[in-house]
Structure formats: structure tokens, C-alpha cells
PDB file of all heavy atoms in Angstrom:
ATOM      1  N   ILE A   1      36.213  93.969-148.160  1.00  0.00           N
ATOM      2  CA  ILE A   1      36.489  95.197-147.408  1.00  0.00           C
ATOM      3  C   ILE A   1      36.227  96.411-148.282  1.00  0.00           C
ATOM      4  O   ILE A   1      35.636  97.401-147.835  1.00  0.00           O
ATOM      5  CB  ILE A   1      37.940  95.204-146.895  1.00  0.00           C
ATOM      6  CG1 ILE A   1      38.155  94.078-145.882  1.00  0.00           C
ATOM      7  CG2 ILE A   1      38.290  96.554-146.272  1.00  0.00           C
ATOM      8  CD1 ILE A   1      39.598  93.961-145.403  1.00  0.00           C
ATOM      9  N   PHE A   2      36.622  96.324-149.543  1.00  0.00           N
ATOM     10  CA  PHE A   2      36.424  97.462-150.445  1.00  0.00           C
ATOM     11  C   PHE A   2      34.936  97.732-150.646  1.00  0.00           C
ATOM     12  O   PHE A   2      34.510  98.894-150.690  1.00  0.00           O
ATOM     13  CB  PHE A   2      37.134  97.214-151.777  1.00  0.00           C
ATOM     14  CG  PHE A   2      38.600  97.512-151.721  1.00  0.00           C
ATOM     15  CD1 PHE A   2      39.480  96.642-151.087  1.00  0.00           C
ATOM     16  CD2 PHE A   2      39.110  98.671-152.265  1.00  0.00           C
ATOM     17  CE1 PHE A   2      40.831  96.922-151.015  1.00  0.00           C
ATOM     18  CE2 PHE A   2      40.460  98.963-152.204  1.00  0.00           C
ATOM     19  CZ  PHE A   2      41.326  98.081-151.568  1.00  0.00           C
ATOM     20  N   ARG A   3      34.142  96.690-150.764  1.00  0.00           N
ATOM     21  CA  ARG A   3      32.693  96.888-150.909  1.00  0.00           C
ATOM     22  C   ARG A   3      32.114  97.498-149.638  1.00  0.00           C
ATOM     23  O   ARG A   3      31.263  98.392-149.699  1.00  0.00           O
ATOM     24  CB  ARG A   3      32.010  95.572-151.257  1.00  0.00           C
ATOM     25  CG  ARG A   3      32.245  95.128-152.689  1.00  0.00           C
ATOM     26  CD  ARG A   3      31.234  94.090-153.136  1.00  0.00           C
ATOM     27  NE  ARG A   3      31.516  92.786-152.558  1.00  0.00           N
ATOM     28  CZ  ARG A   3      32.331  91.886-153.107  1.00  0.00           C
ATOM     29  NH1 ARG A   3      32.967  92.166-154.230  1.00  0.00           N
ATOM     30  NH2 ARG A   3      32.516  90.710-152.545  1.00  0.00           N
ATOM     31  N   GLU A   4      32.575  97.025-148.509  1.00  0.00           N
ATOM     32  CA  GLU A   4      32.087  97.543-147.231  1.00  0.00           C
ATOM     33  C   GLU A   4      32.435  99.021-147.059  1.00  0.00           C
ATOM     34  O   GLU A   4      31.642  99.795-146.519  1.00  0.00           O
ATOM     35  CB  GLU A   4      32.697  96.735-146.084  1.00  0.00           C
ATOM     36  CG  GLU A   4      32.259  97.188-144.703  1.00  0.00           C
ATOM     37  CD  GLU A   4      32.937  96.414-143.592  1.00  0.00           C
ATOM     38  OE1 GLU A   4      33.750  95.527-143.878  1.00  0.00           O
ATOM     39  OE2 GLU A   4      32.651  96.718-142.418  1.00  0.00           O
ATOM     40  N   LEU A   5      33.600  99.407-147.536  1.00  0.00           N
ATOM     41  CA  LEU A   5      34.080 100.770-147.324  1.00  0.00           C
ATOM     42  C   LEU A   5      33.670 101.757-148.414  1.00  0.00           C
ATOM     43  O   LEU A   5      34.006 102.930-148.331  1.00  0.00           O
ATOM     44  CB  LEU A   5      35.611 100.773-147.220  1.00  0.00           C
ATOM     45  CG  LEU A   5      36.228 100.171-145.962  1.00  0.00           C
ATOM     46  CD1 LEU A   5      37.738 100.326-145.993  1.00  0.00           C
ATOM     47  CD2 LEU A   5      35.667 100.830-144.710  1.00  0.00           C
ATOM     48  N   GLN A   6      32.938 101.319-149.417  1.00  0.00           N
ATOM     49  CA  GLN A   6      32.610 102.221-150.516  1.00  0.00           C
ATOM     50  C   GLN A   6      31.958 103.529-150.049  1.00  0.00           C
ATOM     51  O   GLN A   6      32.327 104.615-150.531  1.00  0.00           O
ATOM     52  CB  GLN A   6      31.704 101.528-151.536  1.00  0.00           C
ATOM     53  CG  GLN A   6      31.488 102.346-152.805  1.00  0.00           C
ATOM     54  CD  GLN A   6      32.786 102.655-153.536  1.00  0.00           C
ATOM     55  OE1 GLN A   6      33.545 101.762-153.873  1.00  0.00           O
ATOM     56  NE2 GLN A   6      33.051 103.940-153.783  1.00  0.00           N
ATOM     57  N   PRO A   7      31.014 103.499-149.095  1.00  0.00           N
ATOM     58  CA  PRO A   7      30.454 104.773-148.620  1.00  0.00           C
ATOM     59  C   PRO A   7      31.495 105.679-147.964  1.00  0.00           C
ATOM     60  O   PRO A   7      31.370 106.901-148.024  1.00  0.00           O
ATOM     61  CB  PRO A   7      29.389 104.338-147.612  1.00  0.00           C
ATOM     62  CG  PRO A   7      29.042 102.939-147.991  1.00  0.00           C
ATOM     63  CD  PRO A   7      30.329 102.336-148.490  1.00  0.00           C
ATOM     64  N   VAL A   8      32.503 105.087-147.349  1.00  0.00           N
ATOM     65  CA  VAL A   8      33.594 105.868-146.772  1.00  0.00           C
ATOM     66  C   VAL A   8      34.449 106.469-147.890  1.00  0.00           C
ATOM     67  O   VAL A   8      34.780 107.663-147.880  1.00  0.00           O
ATOM     68  CB  VAL A   8      34.455 104.995-145.843  1.00  0.00           C
ATOM     69  CG1 VAL A   8      35.722 105.729-145.402  1.00  0.00           C
ATOM     70  CG2 VAL A   8      33.643 104.557-144.632  1.00  0.00           C
ATOM     71  N   PHE A   9      34.791 105.657-148.876  1.00  0.00           N
ATOM     72  CA  PHE A   9      35.598 106.133-149.992  1.00  0.00           C
ATOM     73  C   PHE A   9      34.905 107.263-150.756  1.00  0.00           C
ATOM     74  O   PHE A   9      35.565 108.165-151.280  1.00  0.00           O
ATOM     75  CB  PHE A   9      35.901 104.987-150.954  1.00  0.00           C
ATOM     76  CG  PHE A   9      36.749 103.889-150.376  1.00  0.00           C
ATOM     77  CD1 PHE A   9      36.646 102.590-150.873  1.00  0.00           C
ATOM     78  CD2 PHE A   9      37.647 104.129-149.358  1.00  0.00           C
ATOM     79  CE1 PHE A   9      37.436 101.568-150.365  1.00  0.00           C
ATOM     80  CE2 PHE A   9      38.436 103.116-148.833  1.00  0.00           C
ATOM     81  CZ  PHE A   9      38.326 101.828-149.339  1.00  0.00           C
ATOM     82  N   ASP A  10      33.581 107.210-150.821  1.00  0.00           N
ATOM     83  CA  ASP A  10      32.839 108.226-151.567  1.00  0.00           C
ATOM     84  C   ASP A  10      33.063 109.628-151.020  1.00  0.00           C
ATOM     85  O   ASP A  10      32.883 110.613-151.746  1.00  0.00           O
ATOM     86  CB  ASP A  10      31.341 107.915-151.544  1.00  0.00           C
ATOM     87  CG  ASP A  10      30.964 106.734-152.435  1.00  0.00           C
ATOM     88  OD1 ASP A  10      31.773 106.370-153.311  1.00  0.00           O
ATOM     89  OD2 ASP A  10      29.865 106.176-152.244  1.00  0.00           O
ATOM     90  N   ALA A  11      33.468 109.731-149.761  1.00  0.00           N
ATOM     91  CA  ALA A  11      33.695 111.042-149.155  1.00  0.00           C
ATOM     92  C   ALA A  11      34.991 111.693-149.628  1.00  0.00           C
ATOM     93  O   ALA A  11      35.154 112.915-149.513  1.00  0.00           O
ATOM     94  CB  ALA A  11      33.719 110.910-147.631  1.00  0.00           C
ATOM     95  N   ILE A  12      35.904 110.900-150.170  1.00  0.00           N
ATOM     96  CA  ILE A  12      37.228 111.428-150.516  1.00  0.00           C
ATOM     97  C   ILE A  12      37.642 111.166-151.956  1.00  0.00           C
ATOM     98  O   ILE A  12      38.656 111.704-152.404  1.00  0.00           O
ATOM     99  CB  ILE A  12      38.308 110.848-149.579  1.00  0.00           C
ATOM    100  CG1 ILE A  12      38.341 109.314-149.651  1.00  0.00           C
ATOM    101  CG2 ILE A  12      38.102 111.331-148.143  1.00  0.00           C
ATOM    102  CD1 ILE A  12      39.508 108.677-148.911  1.00  0.00           C
ATOM    103  N   ALA A  13      36.889 110.352-152.677  1.00  0.00           N
ATOM    104  CA  ALA A  13      37.364 109.909-153.993  1.00  0.00           C
ATOM    105  C   ALA A  13      36.240 109.845-155.011  1.00  0.00           C
ATOM    106  O   ALA A  13      35.074 109.646-154.673  1.00  0.00           O
ATOM    107  CB  ALA A  13      38.015 108.532-153.874  1.00  0.00           C
ATOM    108  N   LYS A  14      36.627 109.998-156.275  1.00  0.00           N
ATOM    109  CA  LYS A  14      35.676 109.834-157.368  1.00  0.00           C
ATOM    110  C   LYS A  14      35.758 108.433-157.963  1.00  0.00           C
ATOM    111  O   LYS A  14      34.861 107.997-158.679  1.00  0.00           O
ATOM    112  CB  LYS A  14      35.920 110.868-158.467  1.00  0.00           C
ATOM    113  CG  LYS A  14      37.260 110.712-159.177  1.00  0.00           C
ATOM    114  CD  LYS A  14      37.420 111.730-160.296  1.00  0.00           C
ATOM    115  CE  LYS A  14      38.782 111.560-160.999  1.00  0.00           C
ATOM    116  NZ  LYS A  14      38.954 112.527-162.095  1.00  0.00           N
ATOM    117  N   LYS A  15      36.866 107.724-157.672  1.00  0.00           N
ATOM    118  CA  LYS A  15      37.057 106.414-158.284  1.00  0.00           C
ATOM    119  C   LYS A  15      37.936 105.543-157.399  1.00  0.00           C
ATOM    120  O   LYS A  15      38.883 106.028-156.772  1.00  0.00           O
ATOM    121  CB  LYS A  15      37.708 106.560-159.667  1.00  0.00           C
ATOM    122  CG  LYS A  15      37.770 105.285-160.489  1.00  0.00           C
ATOM    123  CD  LYS A  15      38.271 105.587-161.902  1.00  0.00           C
ATOM    124  CE  LYS A  15      38.235 104.358-162.795  1.00  0.00           C
ATOM    125  NZ  LYS A  15      38.704 104.650-164.168  1.00  0.00           N
ATOM    126  N   VAL A  16      37.601 104.251-157.356  1.00  0.00           N
ATOM    127  CA  VAL A  16      38.415 103.266-156.657  1.00  0.00           C
ATOM    128  C   VAL A  16      38.768 102.166-157.655  1.00  0.00           C
ATOM    129  O   VAL A  16      37.886 101.608-158.299  1.00  0.00           O
ATOM    130  CB  VAL A  16      37.661 102.649-155.457  1.00  0.00           C
ATOM    131  CG1 VAL A  16      38.556 101.630-154.739  1.00  0.00           C
ATOM    132  CG2 VAL A  16      37.174 103.729-154.495  1.00  0.00           C
ATOM    133  N   ILE A  17      40.068 101.879-157.793  1.00  0.00           N
ATOM    134  CA  ILE A  17      40.503 100.796-158.660  1.00  0.00           C
ATOM    135  C   ILE A  17      41.121  99.723-157.774  1.00  0.00           C
ATOM    136  O   ILE A  17      42.102  99.981-157.072  1.00  0.00           O
ATOM    137  CB  ILE A  17      41.527 101.269-159.709  1.00  0.00           C
ATOM    138  CG1 ILE A  17      41.004 102.480-160.477  1.00  0.00           C
ATOM    139  CG2 ILE A  17      41.852 100.133-160.680  1.00  0.00           C
ATOM    140  CD1 ILE A  17      42.009 103.073-161.452  1.00  0.00           C
ATOM    141  N   HIS A  18      40.550  98.531-157.827  1.00  0.00           N
ATOM    142  CA  HIS A  18      41.028  97.436-156.993  1.00  0.00           C
ATOM    143  C   HIS A  18      41.909  96.531-157.841  1.00  0.00           C
ATOM    144  O   HIS A  18      41.451  95.952-158.828  1.00  0.00           O
ATOM    145  CB  HIS A  18      39.843  96.662-156.422  1.00  0.00           C
ATOM    146  CG  HIS A  18      40.236  95.545-155.522  1.00  0.00           C
ATOM    147  ND1 HIS A  18      40.136  94.220-155.884  1.00  0.00           N
ATOM    148  CD2 HIS A  18      40.747  95.555-154.263  1.00  0.00           C
ATOM    149  CE1 HIS A  18      40.556  93.460-154.886  1.00  0.00           C
ATOM    150  NE2 HIS A  18      40.937  94.239-153.892  1.00  0.00           N
ATOM    151  N   PHE A  19      43.185  96.380-157.458  1.00  0.00           N
ATOM    152  CA  PHE A  19      44.152  95.649-158.270  1.00  0.00           C
ATOM    153  C   PHE A  19      44.365  94.209-157.827  1.00  0.00           C
ATOM    154  O   PHE A  19      45.085  93.464-158.491  1.00  0.00           O
ATOM    155  CB  PHE A  19      45.496  96.391-158.277  1.00  0.00           C
ATOM    156  CG  PHE A  19      45.461  97.647-159.101  1.00  0.00           C
ATOM    157  CD1 PHE A  19      45.199  98.871-158.512  1.00  0.00           C
ATOM    158  CD2 PHE A  19      45.655  97.608-160.473  1.00  0.00           C
ATOM    159  CE1 PHE A  19      45.142 100.036-159.272  1.00  0.00           C
ATOM    160  CE2 PHE A  19      45.607  98.759-161.248  1.00  0.00           C
ATOM    161  CZ  PHE A  19      45.347  99.972-160.637  1.00  0.00           C
ATOM    162  N   GLY A  20      43.743  93.825-156.702  1.00  0.00           N
ATOM    163  CA  GLY A  20      43.916  92.448-156.243  1.00  0.00           C
ATOM    164  C   GLY A  20      44.280  92.392-154.780  1.00  0.00           C
ATOM    165  O   GLY A  20      43.827  93.212-153.980  1.00  0.00           O
ATOM    166  N   SER A  21      45.108  91.442-154.417  1.00  0.00           N
ATOM    167  CA  SER A  21      45.450  91.211-153.015  1.00  0.00           C
ATOM    168  C   SER A  21      46.266  92.365-152.448  1.00  0.00           C
ATOM    169  O   SER A  21      46.817  93.201-153.187  1.00  0.00           O
ATOM    170  CB  SER A  21      46.227  89.904-152.887  1.00  0.00           C
ATOM    171  OG  SER A  21      47.397  89.951-153.684  1.00  0.00           O
ATOM    172  N   ALA A  22      46.344  92.404-151.126  1.00  0.00           N
ATOM    173  CA  ALA A  22      47.109  93.455-150.458  1.00  0.00           C
ATOM    174  C   ALA A  22      48.532  93.508-151.004  1.00  0.00           C
ATOM    175  O   ALA A  22      49.186  92.478-151.192  1.00  0.00           O
ATOM    176  CB  ALA A  22      47.113  93.212-148.954  1.00  0.00           C
ATOM    177  N   GLY A  23      49.015  94.697-151.266  1.00  0.00           N
ATOM    178  CA  GLY A  23      50.324  94.906-151.871  1.00  0.00           C
ATOM    179  C   GLY A  23      50.262  95.304-153.329  1.00  0.00           C
ATOM    180  O   GLY A  23      51.186  95.931-153.853  1.00  0.00           O
ATOM    181  N   LYS A  24      49.143  94.972-153.989  1.00  0.00           N
ATOM    182  CA  LYS A  24      49.027  95.274-155.420  1.00  0.00           C
ATOM    183  C   LYS A  24      48.780  96.767-155.666  1.00  0.00           C
ATOM    184  O   LYS A  24      49.176  97.299-156.709  1.00  0.00           O
ATOM    185  CB  LYS A  24      47.899  94.448-156.044  1.00  0.00           C
ATOM    186  CG  LYS A  24      48.151  92.939-156.017  1.00  0.00           C
ATOM    187  CD  LYS A  24      49.306  92.557-156.927  1.00  0.00           C
ATOM    188  CE  LYS A  24      49.620  91.057-156.841  1.00  0.00           C
ATOM    189  NZ  LYS A  24      48.503  90.214-157.234  1.00  0.00           N
ATOM    190  N   GLY A  25      48.137  97.441-154.731  1.00  0.00           N
ATOM    191  CA  GLY A  25      47.928  98.879-154.888  1.00  0.00           C
ATOM    192  C   GLY A  25      49.252  99.625-154.905  1.00  0.00           C
ATOM    193  O   GLY A  25      49.479 100.505-155.742  1.00  0.00           O
ATOM    194  N   THR A  26      50.136  99.271-153.991  1.00  0.00           N
ATOM    195  CA  THR A  26      51.456  99.893-153.924  1.00  0.00           C
ATOM    196  C   THR A  26      52.261  99.604-155.185  1.00  0.00           C
ATOM    197  O   THR A  26      52.928 100.494-155.733  1.00  0.00           O
ATOM    198  CB  THR A  26      52.215  99.379-152.693  1.00  0.00           C
ATOM    199  OG1 THR A  26      51.526  99.822-151.519  1.00  0.00           O
ATOM    200  CG2 THR A  26      53.654  99.876-152.665  1.00  0.00           C
TER     201      THR A  26
END
């Protein structure tokens, strides 16, 4: 999902850090 959404993220962010499964970001 993160790879798919990278063009979307580029509109709002300079960096994306993926920490693992859902819940790890929080």
C-alpha cells in the first residue's frame, strides 16, 4: 500500500518512514 500511495504522499510529505505492520506508526 505504501508503494502504491507514494505519488499521493509526495504531495504532502518529504519523507515516509515505514515501521512495519499496522499500529507501528502510532
